[in-house]
Amino acid sequence: MANMNIKKGDTVMIITGEEAGKKGKVLKVLPEENRIVVEGRNKVTKHQKPRNQKDTGGIVEREAAINASNVMVVCPKCGKPVRTGIKLVDTKDKKVRICKKCGAEIKTADETK
């Protein structure tokens, strides 16, 4: 299992591949596979069978997982894709993620509520 610096709710920028340079919000993190799902990015078509008589089958578009090494977290302060670090605060018992470029604290959407 890989140690990932990307959390659900982060804004990330894709740095390689067909979608390079595009930003999106992380919907799902799969640490066992070292992959993430980004909202609106890496769309694939899936042929879906109807599960019961009421359902309609068909071709459905959905987001596929991307390797975590192909994305970088976007800093909320400087707005650039950055590497993240960990800083100990509050008498060295709480860890927070920080931007390596500007030193700003990186919070996810879950932490800001």
N, C-alpha and C. Protein backbone atom coordinates (compact mmCIF):
# COMPACT_ATOMS: atom_id res chain seq x y z
N MET A 1 0.84 -1.18 0.00
CA MET A 1 0.00 0.00 0.00
C MET A 1 0.89 1.25 0.00
N ALA A 2 0.58 2.16 -0.91
CA ALA A 2 1.40 3.36 -1.07
C ALA A 2 0.94 4.47 -0.13
N ASN A 3 1.89 5.29 0.30
CA ASN A 3 1.57 6.45 1.12
C ASN A 3 1.27 7.59 0.16
N MET A 4 0.01 8.05 0.14
CA MET A 4 -0.40 9.06 -0.82
C MET A 4 -0.53 10.43 -0.17
N ASN A 5 -0.12 11.47 -0.89
CA ASN A 5 -0.25 12.83 -0.40
C ASN A 5 -1.49 13.51 -0.95
N ILE A 6 -2.35 12.77 -1.61
CA ILE A 6 -3.58 13.30 -2.21
C ILE A 6 -4.77 12.79 -1.42
N LYS A 7 -5.69 13.70 -1.09
CA LYS A 7 -6.87 13.34 -0.31
C LYS A 7 -8.13 13.64 -1.11
N LYS A 8 -9.23 13.01 -0.71
CA LYS A 8 -10.52 13.25 -1.34
C LYS A 8 -10.90 14.72 -1.11
N GLY A 9 -11.34 15.38 -2.17
CA GLY A 9 -11.72 16.79 -2.06
C GLY A 9 -10.64 17.76 -2.51
N ASP A 10 -9.41 17.27 -2.71
CA ASP A 10 -8.32 18.14 -3.18
C ASP A 10 -8.57 18.56 -4.62
N THR A 11 -8.05 19.73 -4.98
CA THR A 11 -8.02 20.15 -6.38
C THR A 11 -6.65 19.75 -6.91
N VAL A 12 -6.65 19.02 -8.02
CA VAL A 12 -5.40 18.53 -8.59
C VAL A 12 -5.29 18.93 -10.06
N MET A 13 -4.05 18.97 -10.55
CA MET A 13 -3.79 19.21 -11.96
C MET A 13 -3.14 17.97 -12.54
N ILE A 14 -3.65 17.54 -13.69
CA ILE A 14 -3.07 16.38 -14.37
C ILE A 14 -1.83 16.86 -15.12
N ILE A 15 -0.70 16.17 -14.91
CA ILE A 15 0.57 16.64 -15.48
C ILE A 15 1.04 15.84 -16.69
N THR A 16 0.44 14.67 -16.94
CA THR A 16 0.85 13.88 -18.10
C THR A 16 -0.36 13.30 -18.79
N GLY A 17 -0.16 12.87 -20.01
CA GLY A 17 -1.21 12.18 -20.75
C GLY A 17 -2.10 13.11 -21.54
N GLU A 18 -3.20 12.56 -22.00
CA GLU A 18 -4.15 13.25 -22.86
C GLU A 18 -4.78 14.48 -22.19
N GLU A 19 -5.00 14.41 -20.89
CA GLU A 19 -5.66 15.48 -20.13
C GLU A 19 -4.67 16.42 -19.45
N ALA A 20 -3.43 16.42 -19.87
CA ALA A 20 -2.39 17.22 -19.22
C ALA A 20 -2.76 18.70 -19.19
N GLY A 21 -2.52 19.32 -18.01
CA GLY A 21 -2.80 20.74 -17.84
C GLY A 21 -4.19 21.06 -17.34
N LYS A 22 -5.04 20.07 -17.22
CA LYS A 22 -6.42 20.29 -16.77
C LYS A 22 -6.55 20.04 -15.28
N LYS A 23 -7.44 20.81 -14.64
CA LYS A 23 -7.66 20.68 -13.20
C LYS A 23 -8.98 19.99 -12.92
N GLY A 24 -9.09 19.42 -11.73
CA GLY A 24 -10.33 18.80 -11.30
C GLY A 24 -10.29 18.45 -9.82
N LYS A 25 -11.44 18.11 -9.29
CA LYS A 25 -11.57 17.76 -7.87
C LYS A 25 -11.49 16.25 -7.71
N VAL A 26 -10.80 15.78 -6.69
CA VAL A 26 -10.65 14.35 -6.44
C VAL A 26 -11.96 13.81 -5.85
N LEU A 27 -12.54 12.81 -6.51
CA LEU A 27 -13.78 12.19 -6.04
C LEU A 27 -13.52 10.96 -5.18
N LYS A 28 -12.48 10.20 -5.55
CA LYS A 28 -12.20 8.94 -4.86
C LYS A 28 -10.70 8.69 -4.86
N VAL A 29 -10.20 8.16 -3.75
CA VAL A 29 -8.80 7.80 -3.63
C VAL A 29 -8.71 6.30 -3.41
N LEU A 30 -7.89 5.63 -4.21
CA LEU A 30 -7.70 4.18 -4.12
C LEU A 30 -6.24 3.90 -3.75
N PRO A 31 -5.88 3.99 -2.45
CA PRO A 31 -4.47 3.87 -2.07
C PRO A 31 -3.86 2.50 -2.33
N GLU A 32 -4.68 1.43 -2.32
CA GLU A 32 -4.15 0.08 -2.56
C GLU A 32 -3.61 -0.03 -3.99
N GLU A 33 -4.26 0.69 -4.92
CA GLU A 33 -3.87 0.63 -6.33
C GLU A 33 -3.04 1.84 -6.75
N ASN A 34 -2.82 2.80 -5.82
CA ASN A 34 -2.12 4.06 -6.09
C ASN A 34 -2.78 4.83 -7.22
N ARG A 35 -4.12 4.90 -7.20
CA ARG A 35 -4.89 5.57 -8.23
C ARG A 35 -5.92 6.50 -7.61
N ILE A 36 -6.37 7.49 -8.39
CA ILE A 36 -7.42 8.41 -7.94
C ILE A 36 -8.42 8.63 -9.07
N VAL A 37 -9.63 9.07 -8.71
CA VAL A 37 -10.66 9.41 -9.69
C VAL A 37 -10.87 10.92 -9.59
N VAL A 38 -10.75 11.62 -10.74
CA VAL A 38 -10.88 13.07 -10.79
C VAL A 38 -12.17 13.43 -11.50
N GLU A 39 -12.91 14.38 -10.93
CA GLU A 39 -14.20 14.81 -11.45
C GLU A 39 -14.07 15.39 -12.86
N GLY A 40 -14.81 14.81 -13.81
CA GLY A 40 -14.86 15.32 -15.18
C GLY A 40 -13.64 15.01 -16.03
N ARG A 41 -12.71 14.23 -15.54
CA ARG A 41 -11.48 13.93 -16.28
C ARG A 41 -11.35 12.42 -16.52
N ASN A 42 -10.63 12.05 -17.58
CA ASN A 42 -10.39 10.66 -17.97
C ASN A 42 -11.70 9.90 -18.14
N LYS A 43 -12.60 10.46 -18.94
CA LYS A 43 -13.91 9.86 -19.19
C LYS A 43 -13.77 8.62 -20.07
N VAL A 44 -14.50 7.57 -19.71
CA VAL A 44 -14.56 6.35 -20.51
C VAL A 44 -16.02 5.98 -20.72
N THR A 45 -16.29 5.21 -21.78
CA THR A 45 -17.66 4.75 -22.01
C THR A 45 -17.78 3.32 -21.50
N LYS A 46 -18.92 3.06 -20.87
CA LYS A 46 -19.17 1.74 -20.31
C LYS A 46 -20.51 1.25 -20.83
N HIS A 47 -20.51 0.03 -21.33
CA HIS A 47 -21.75 -0.56 -21.79
C HIS A 47 -22.43 -1.19 -20.59
N GLN A 48 -23.57 -0.62 -20.19
CA GLN A 48 -24.24 -1.06 -18.98
C GLN A 48 -25.52 -1.80 -19.30
N LYS A 49 -25.65 -2.97 -18.68
CA LYS A 49 -26.83 -3.81 -18.85
C LYS A 49 -27.90 -3.35 -17.87
N PRO A 50 -29.17 -3.42 -18.23
CA PRO A 50 -30.21 -3.06 -17.26
C PRO A 50 -30.25 -4.07 -16.11
N ARG A 51 -30.32 -3.58 -14.87
CA ARG A 51 -30.32 -4.46 -13.70
C ARG A 51 -31.70 -5.06 -13.43
N ASN A 52 -32.76 -4.33 -13.81
CA ASN A 52 -34.12 -4.87 -13.67
C ASN A 52 -34.97 -4.32 -14.81
N GLN A 53 -36.28 -4.63 -14.82
CA GLN A 53 -37.14 -4.22 -15.93
C GLN A 53 -37.30 -2.70 -16.02
N LYS A 54 -37.22 -2.02 -14.92
CA LYS A 54 -37.41 -0.56 -14.91
C LYS A 54 -36.19 0.16 -15.46
N ASP A 55 -35.01 -0.40 -15.25
CA ASP A 55 -33.77 0.23 -15.72
C ASP A 55 -33.67 0.16 -17.23
N THR A 56 -33.00 1.18 -17.76
CA THR A 56 -32.67 1.13 -19.18
C THR A 56 -31.16 0.95 -19.29
N GLY A 57 -30.74 0.06 -20.14
CA GLY A 57 -29.31 -0.16 -20.36
C GLY A 57 -28.80 0.89 -21.33
N GLY A 58 -27.57 0.76 -21.73
CA GLY A 58 -27.03 1.67 -22.71
C GLY A 58 -25.57 1.95 -22.48
N ILE A 59 -25.08 2.95 -23.20
CA ILE A 59 -23.69 3.35 -23.08
C ILE A 59 -23.62 4.53 -22.12
N VAL A 60 -22.86 4.35 -21.06
CA VAL A 60 -22.75 5.36 -20.00
C VAL A 60 -21.33 5.89 -19.96
N GLU A 61 -21.20 7.22 -19.80
CA GLU A 61 -19.87 7.82 -19.65
C GLU A 61 -19.59 8.03 -18.17
N ARG A 62 -18.37 7.67 -17.75
CA ARG A 62 -18.00 7.88 -16.35
C ARG A 62 -16.50 8.11 -16.26
N GLU A 63 -16.07 8.60 -15.08
CA GLU A 63 -14.65 8.88 -14.87
C GLU A 63 -13.92 7.59 -14.51
N ALA A 64 -12.76 7.40 -15.11
CA ALA A 64 -11.92 6.25 -14.79
C ALA A 64 -10.77 6.71 -13.88
N ALA A 65 -10.15 5.77 -13.20
CA ALA A 65 -9.05 6.08 -12.27
C ALA A 65 -7.79 6.47 -13.04
N ILE A 66 -7.01 7.38 -12.44
CA ILE A 66 -5.73 7.84 -12.98
C ILE A 66 -4.66 7.48 -11.96
N ASN A 67 -3.47 7.15 -12.43
CA ASN A 67 -2.38 6.88 -11.51
C ASN A 67 -2.05 8.15 -10.74
N ALA A 68 -1.85 8.03 -9.44
CA ALA A 68 -1.60 9.18 -8.58
C ALA A 68 -0.31 9.92 -8.93
N SER A 69 0.63 9.24 -9.57
CA SER A 69 1.88 9.90 -9.95
C SER A 69 1.69 10.85 -11.13
N ASN A 70 0.54 10.79 -11.80
CA ASN A 70 0.27 11.63 -12.95
C ASN A 70 -0.45 12.93 -12.60
N VAL A 71 -0.65 13.18 -11.31
CA VAL A 71 -1.32 14.41 -10.88
C VAL A 71 -0.52 15.09 -9.77
N MET A 72 -0.74 16.41 -9.63
CA MET A 72 -0.13 17.18 -8.54
C MET A 72 -1.21 18.01 -7.87
N VAL A 73 -1.09 18.18 -6.56
CA VAL A 73 -2.03 18.98 -5.79
C VAL A 73 -1.84 20.45 -6.16
N VAL A 74 -2.96 21.19 -6.32
CA VAL A 74 -2.90 22.61 -6.62
C VAL A 74 -3.00 23.38 -5.30
N CYS A 75 -2.04 24.26 -5.06
CA CYS A 75 -2.00 25.07 -3.83
C CYS A 75 -3.11 26.11 -3.88
N PRO A 76 -3.91 26.23 -2.80
CA PRO A 76 -4.98 27.22 -2.80
C PRO A 76 -4.47 28.67 -2.77
N LYS A 77 -3.26 28.88 -2.25
CA LYS A 77 -2.72 30.24 -2.15
C LYS A 77 -2.05 30.70 -3.44
N CYS A 78 -1.10 29.90 -3.94
CA CYS A 78 -0.38 30.33 -5.15
C CYS A 78 -1.02 29.83 -6.43
N GLY A 79 -1.95 28.87 -6.35
CA GLY A 79 -2.69 28.40 -7.53
C GLY A 79 -1.89 27.57 -8.51
N LYS A 80 -0.74 27.08 -8.08
CA LYS A 80 0.12 26.29 -8.96
C LYS A 80 0.16 24.84 -8.49
N PRO A 81 0.46 23.89 -9.41
CA PRO A 81 0.66 22.51 -8.98
C PRO A 81 1.95 22.42 -8.18
N VAL A 82 1.88 21.83 -6.99
CA VAL A 82 3.03 21.81 -6.09
C VAL A 82 3.22 20.44 -5.46
N ARG A 83 4.44 20.25 -4.94
CA ARG A 83 4.70 19.11 -4.09
C ARG A 83 4.24 19.49 -2.69
N THR A 84 3.86 18.49 -1.90
CA THR A 84 3.40 18.78 -0.56
C THR A 84 4.37 18.24 0.47
N GLY A 85 4.37 18.88 1.62
CA GLY A 85 5.17 18.44 2.74
C GLY A 85 4.29 18.34 3.97
N ILE A 86 4.84 17.85 5.06
CA ILE A 86 4.09 17.72 6.30
C ILE A 86 4.79 18.55 7.37
N LYS A 87 3.99 19.31 8.11
CA LYS A 87 4.50 20.15 9.18
C LYS A 87 3.77 19.79 10.47
N LEU A 88 4.51 19.69 11.55
CA LEU A 88 3.91 19.40 12.85
C LEU A 88 3.54 20.72 13.52
N VAL A 89 2.30 20.82 14.01
CA VAL A 89 1.83 22.03 14.70
C VAL A 89 1.18 21.65 16.03
N ASP A 90 0.85 22.66 16.82
CA ASP A 90 0.20 22.46 18.12
C ASP A 90 0.98 21.50 19.00
N THR A 91 2.12 21.93 19.45
CA THR A 91 3.01 21.15 20.31
C THR A 91 3.34 19.78 19.72
N LYS A 92 3.58 19.76 18.43
CA LYS A 92 4.11 18.59 17.71
C LYS A 92 3.20 17.34 17.73
N ASP A 93 1.88 17.53 17.89
CA ASP A 93 1.01 16.34 17.88
C ASP A 93 0.03 16.32 16.70
N LYS A 94 -0.07 17.41 15.94
CA LYS A 94 -0.98 17.44 14.80
C LYS A 94 -0.17 17.69 13.52
N LYS A 95 -0.46 16.89 12.48
CA LYS A 95 0.24 17.03 11.20
C LYS A 95 -0.66 17.77 10.23
N VAL A 96 -0.10 18.71 9.47
CA VAL A 96 -0.82 19.41 8.41
C VAL A 96 0.02 19.37 7.14
N ARG A 97 -0.66 19.36 5.99
CA ARG A 97 0.04 19.38 4.72
C ARG A 97 0.34 20.83 4.35
N ILE A 98 1.53 21.05 3.80
CA ILE A 98 1.91 22.40 3.40
C ILE A 98 2.41 22.39 1.95
N CYS A 99 2.33 23.56 1.33
CA CYS A 99 2.86 23.77 -0.02
C CYS A 99 4.36 23.94 0.07
N LYS A 100 5.12 23.23 -0.76
CA LYS A 100 6.58 23.33 -0.74
C LYS A 100 7.08 24.64 -1.35
N LYS A 101 6.25 25.32 -2.19
CA LYS A 101 6.67 26.57 -2.82
C LYS A 101 6.46 27.77 -1.91
N CYS A 102 5.24 27.91 -1.37
CA CYS A 102 4.93 29.12 -0.60
C CYS A 102 4.76 28.87 0.89
N GLY A 103 4.69 27.61 1.31
CA GLY A 103 4.55 27.29 2.73
C GLY A 103 3.14 27.37 3.27
N ALA A 104 2.15 27.60 2.40
CA ALA A 104 0.75 27.70 2.84
C ALA A 104 0.21 26.33 3.24
N GLU A 105 -0.72 26.33 4.17
CA GLU A 105 -1.36 25.09 4.61
C GLU A 105 -2.38 24.65 3.57
N ILE A 106 -2.37 23.36 3.21
CA ILE A 106 -3.30 22.83 2.23
C ILE A 106 -4.39 22.07 2.97
N LYS A 107 -5.62 22.57 2.85
CA LYS A 107 -6.77 21.92 3.49
C LYS A 107 -7.68 21.38 2.39
N THR A 108 -8.32 20.24 2.68
CA THR A 108 -9.29 19.69 1.75
C THR A 108 -10.65 20.32 2.02
N ALA A 109 -11.61 20.03 1.17
CA ALA A 109 -12.96 20.56 1.35
C ALA A 109 -13.57 20.03 2.66
N ASP A 110 -13.20 18.80 3.05
CA ASP A 110 -13.73 18.20 4.28
C ASP A 110 -13.20 18.93 5.52
N GLU A 111 -11.95 19.39 5.49
CA GLU A 111 -11.32 20.05 6.63
C GLU A 111 -11.78 21.48 6.84
N THR A 112 -12.24 22.14 5.76
CA THR A 112 -12.64 23.53 5.86
C THR A 112 -14.05 23.70 6.42
N LYS A 113 -14.83 22.64 6.49
CA LYS A 113 -16.20 22.71 7.02
C LYS A 113 -16.21 22.78 8.52
